[in-house]
Protein backbone atom coordinates (compact mmCIF):
# COMPACT_ATOMS: atom_id res chain seq x y z
CA MET A 1 93.77 107.64 78.97
CA LYS A 2 92.10 106.56 75.63
CA ILE A 3 92.18 109.13 72.76
CA PHE A 4 89.46 109.02 70.46
CA PRO A 5 90.17 110.79 67.36
CA ALA A 6 86.67 112.17 65.68
CA ILE A 7 85.06 111.91 62.29
CA ASP A 8 81.97 113.45 61.82
CA ILE A 9 80.11 112.26 58.39
CA LYS A 10 77.83 114.29 56.41
CA ASN A 11 77.25 113.55 52.85
CA LYS A 12 79.89 111.24 52.77
CA LYS A 13 82.50 113.74 53.92
CA CYS A 14 84.51 114.78 57.00
CA VAL A 15 82.99 117.76 58.34
CA ARG A 16 83.21 119.79 61.90
CA LEU A 17 80.36 121.57 63.32
CA VAL A 18 80.20 124.53 65.46
CA LYS A 19 78.35 124.13 68.65
CA GLY A 20 76.33 121.47 66.50
CA ASP A 21 75.05 124.06 63.97
CA PHE A 22 74.37 122.16 60.95
CA ASP A 23 74.58 125.61 59.02
CA ASN A 24 77.87 126.29 60.52
CA LYS A 25 80.21 123.72 59.44
CA THR A 26 83.70 123.25 57.90
CA GLU A 27 84.12 120.49 55.10
CA TYR A 28 87.35 118.64 55.02
CA GLU A 29 89.07 117.23 51.74
CA MET A 30 89.82 113.80 53.07
CA SER A 31 87.22 111.02 53.02
CA PRO A 32 86.28 109.45 56.28
CA VAL A 33 87.87 106.08 55.22
CA ASP A 34 91.33 107.85 54.12
CA GLN A 35 90.88 109.62 57.68
CA ALA A 36 90.30 106.50 59.44
CA GLU A 37 93.29 105.29 57.72
CA LYS A 38 95.69 108.12 58.76
CA PHE A 39 94.68 107.70 62.74
CA LYS A 40 95.37 104.17 61.99
CA TYR A 41 98.78 104.78 60.49
CA HIS A 42 99.56 106.89 63.37
CA GLY A 43 98.89 104.14 65.81
CA PHE A 44 95.39 105.13 67.37
CA LYS A 45 93.38 102.23 68.44
CA ASN A 46 89.94 103.95 68.89
CA LEU A 47 87.80 106.21 66.86
CA HIS A 48 84.79 108.48 67.67
CA ILE A 49 82.28 108.59 64.54
CA VAL A 50 79.17 110.55 64.57
CA ASP A 51 76.83 109.90 61.57
CA LEU A 52 75.23 113.47 61.02
CA ASP A 53 73.09 112.26 58.46
CA GLY A 54 71.89 109.96 60.82
CA ALA A 55 71.32 112.38 63.44
CA LEU A 56 68.97 114.17 61.15
CA THR A 57 67.04 111.31 59.74
CA GLY A 58 67.14 108.53 62.37
CA GLU A 59 68.48 105.85 59.78
CA THR A 60 72.04 104.16 59.99
CA VAL A 61 72.72 106.42 56.59
CA ASN A 62 76.60 105.74 56.50
CA LEU A 63 76.46 102.09 57.78
CA ASP A 64 78.91 101.17 54.74
CA ILE A 65 81.42 103.67 55.70
CA ILE A 66 81.60 102.67 59.34
CA TYR A 67 81.89 98.86 57.98
CA ASP A 68 84.52 99.90 55.50
CA ILE A 69 86.56 101.71 58.43
CA ILE A 70 86.02 98.73 60.82
CA VAL A 71 87.17 96.02 58.56
CA LYS A 72 90.03 97.74 56.97
CA PHE A 73 91.68 99.24 59.78
CA ASP A 74 90.57 96.93 62.89
CA LEU A 75 90.02 100.09 65.17
CA LYS A 76 87.68 99.95 68.10
CA VAL A 77 84.77 102.41 67.01
CA GLU A 78 82.08 103.84 68.88
CA ILE A 79 79.22 105.28 66.67
CA GLY A 80 76.55 107.60 67.31
CA GLY A 81 73.97 109.71 65.72
CA GLY A 82 70.02 109.30 65.43
CA ILE A 83 70.07 105.94 66.81
CA ARG A 84 66.47 105.47 67.84
CA ASN A 85 65.64 101.71 67.81
CA LEU A 86 67.06 98.38 68.51
CA ASP A 87 67.45 97.43 64.82
CA SER A 88 69.90 100.18 64.17
CA ILE A 89 71.89 99.18 67.30
CA GLN A 90 71.95 95.48 65.80
CA LYS A 91 73.15 96.74 62.67
CA TYR A 92 76.15 98.70 63.70
CA ILE A 93 77.06 95.70 66.23
CA ASP A 94 76.72 93.30 63.17
CA VAL A 95 79.42 95.60 61.24
CA GLY A 96 81.70 95.30 64.47
CA ALA A 97 81.39 98.58 66.20
CA ASP A 98 82.66 98.39 69.73
CA LYS A 99 80.26 100.93 71.05
CA VAL A 100 76.89 102.00 70.14
CA ILE A 101 76.01 105.74 71.53
CA LEU A 102 72.74 106.47 72.70
CA GLY A 103 71.77 110.15 73.02
CA SER A 104 68.65 111.83 72.47
CA ALA A 105 66.47 108.55 72.15
CA ALA A 106 67.69 107.56 75.71
CA ILE A 107 66.96 110.73 76.98
CA ASN A 108 63.52 111.13 75.63
CA ASP A 109 62.89 107.24 76.66
CA LYS A 110 64.55 105.87 79.60
CA ASN A 111 63.06 102.74 79.02
CA PHE A 112 64.85 102.42 75.58
CA LEU A 113 68.12 102.93 77.41
CA LYS A 114 67.26 100.27 79.85
CA LYS A 115 66.27 97.87 77.20
CA SER A 116 69.46 98.62 74.85
CA CYS A 117 71.55 98.06 77.88
CA GLU A 118 69.97 94.56 78.64
CA LYS A 119 69.95 93.23 75.16
CA PHE A 120 73.50 94.44 74.20
CA PRO A 121 75.47 94.19 77.23
CA ASN A 122 78.88 96.17 77.64
CA LYS A 123 77.90 97.42 74.15
CA ILE A 124 76.14 100.60 74.96
CA ALA A 125 77.68 104.12 75.41
CA LEU A 126 75.31 106.84 77.04
CA GLY A 127 75.80 110.34 75.12
CA LEU A 128 74.89 113.18 77.32
CA ASP A 129 75.15 116.57 75.60
CA ALA A 130 74.80 119.32 77.98
CA LYS A 131 74.02 123.13 77.67
CA ASP A 132 74.23 125.03 80.67
CA GLY A 133 73.54 122.26 82.89
CA TYR A 134 70.55 120.93 80.88
CA LEU A 135 70.44 118.11 78.35
CA SER A 136 69.99 118.92 75.00
CA VAL A 137 68.40 116.39 72.31
CA SER A 138 67.58 116.14 68.58
CA GLY A 139 70.82 117.26 67.30
CA TRP A 140 71.12 119.86 69.97
CA LYS A 141 68.36 121.95 68.56
CA GLU A 142 66.05 121.13 71.64
CA ASN A 143 66.55 121.66 75.53
CA SER A 144 65.25 118.46 76.93
CA ASN A 145 64.42 120.50 80.43
CA GLN A 146 66.24 117.83 82.16
CA LEU A 147 69.13 118.65 84.49
CA THR A 148 72.04 116.39 83.40
CA LEU A 149 73.20 115.15 86.91
CA ASP A 150 69.39 114.26 87.87
CA TYR A 151 68.99 112.45 84.62
CA LEU A 152 72.38 110.61 85.27
CA LYS A 153 71.14 109.60 89.00
CA ASP A 154 68.11 108.31 87.48
CA VAL A 155 69.59 105.63 84.82
CA ASN A 156 73.03 105.16 86.53
CA ASN A 157 72.21 101.52 87.29
CA TYR A 158 71.25 100.53 83.97
CA GLY A 159 74.10 99.11 82.83
CA PHE A 160 75.82 101.28 80.01
CA SER A 161 79.56 100.64 79.73
CA ARG A 162 80.57 104.15 79.10
CA LEU A 163 79.48 107.84 79.38
CA ILE A 164 80.25 110.39 76.75
CA PHE A 165 79.91 114.05 78.10
CA THR A 166 79.91 117.09 75.86
CA ASP A 167 79.39 120.60 76.79
CA ILE A 168 77.92 122.03 73.70
CA ASN A 169 78.89 125.76 74.04
CA ARG A 170 82.49 124.36 73.79
CA ASP A 171 82.00 122.17 71.02
CA GLY A 172 84.00 122.93 67.92
CA MET A 173 85.10 126.21 69.74
CA LYS A 174 88.60 125.11 70.72
CA GLN A 175 88.15 127.09 73.88
CA SER A 176 89.25 124.05 76.26
CA PRO A 177 86.61 121.23 77.53
CA ASN A 178 84.44 122.00 80.52
CA PHE A 179 86.56 120.19 83.07
CA ASP A 180 84.35 121.43 85.97
CA GLU A 181 81.17 119.95 84.68
CA THR A 182 82.79 116.60 83.54
CA LEU A 183 84.15 116.46 86.92
CA LYS A 184 80.72 116.58 88.57
CA VAL A 185 79.46 113.75 86.03
CA ALA A 186 82.38 111.61 86.68
CA LYS A 187 82.14 112.04 90.39
CA ILE A 188 78.64 110.30 90.22
CA SER A 189 79.00 108.12 87.00
CA ASN A 190 79.08 104.08 87.79
CA CYS A 191 81.02 103.95 84.53
CA PRO A 192 84.23 105.59 82.87
CA VAL A 193 83.50 108.97 81.44
CA ILE A 194 84.85 110.21 78.21
CA ILE A 195 85.24 113.95 77.95
CA SER A 196 84.34 115.67 74.49
CA GLY A 197 83.86 119.22 73.44
CA GLY A 198 86.38 122.09 72.99
CA VAL A 199 89.89 120.42 73.07
CA SER A 200 92.21 123.01 71.95
CA ASN A 201 95.83 122.08 72.28
CA ILE A 202 97.87 119.06 73.58
CA ASP A 203 97.70 120.71 77.48
CA ASP A 204 93.76 119.98 77.38
CA VAL A 205 94.61 116.54 76.75
CA LYS A 206 97.43 116.15 79.34
CA LYS A 207 94.84 118.01 82.06
CA ALA A 208 92.22 115.35 81.16
CA LYS A 209 94.59 112.56 82.10
CA GLU A 210 94.54 113.94 85.79
CA LEU A 211 90.97 113.60 86.21
CA LYS A 212 89.28 110.95 88.46
CA ASN A 213 87.26 108.34 86.53
CA VAL A 214 87.80 109.97 83.09
CA ASP A 215 88.68 107.33 80.96
CA GLY A 216 89.13 109.23 77.61
CA ILE A 217 89.05 112.26 75.42
CA ILE A 218 87.44 113.00 72.05
CA VAL A 219 89.69 115.12 69.89
CA GLY A 220 88.20 116.63 66.62
CA LYS A 221 88.40 120.19 65.27
CA ALA A 222 91.81 120.79 66.85
CA ILE A 223 93.15 117.90 64.80
CA TYR A 224 91.92 118.88 61.52
CA ASP A 225 92.85 122.71 62.07
CA GLY A 226 96.30 121.71 62.93
CA ASP A 227 96.45 122.91 66.49
CA ILE A 228 97.51 119.26 67.70
CA LYS A 229 99.65 117.01 65.90
CA LEU A 230 98.89 113.40 65.55
CA GLU A 231 102.54 112.65 66.44
CA GLU A 232 102.23 114.48 69.85
CA LEU A 233 98.83 113.23 70.50
CA ILE A 234 99.71 109.29 70.39
CA LYS A 235 102.05 109.87 73.01
CA GLU A 236 99.27 110.38 75.23
CA ASP A 237 97.43 107.42 74.19
CA ALA A 238 97.48 104.44 76.57
């Protein structure tokens, strides 16, 4: 089980949103680079970063911060947030990102997902953010009217190397992930699934380890609020 501590960047700060709502956010004192250093110090190898400025603008706004983190701490970083073209993917790969997460752009244009997987083999992660069974896009502001499982069946053979499934209703709420929906996704996915959204305590992480075809878990707010100690979380990382 890979543990992905999460860093969401907004205005050069670490923040956490509730259900993806930009008006309902908590800012934290520690800078993204300092936070990454803390994760590295505790022994984590993987990091999940979302550029929230990028999600709003469609630009690689915080590329310099991502570069600093990768170069200084040698972490395997998966990065997402407003990545809408091949040039943006290339920029992140050039600074050393392990995986580039495609979300809204891939859902709105399946051909873009296919081209990205062909051009950047083993570098593309597909981010599926769902609410009540339907995929959401544009920073979770819009419903795509596409059923999560139907979409996945359509693109399952495109060649993305990782799938990140988030239940929006759980994100930032610390009410435990939606294990049932994640299992449905993992059952049909051709690649390993990362579970995201709602982790509340260490028992959620331990439960995720028992799920078939679930390769990792993203932990955010529960770390920042002190509900999960890094010392106990690293013990589950393998």
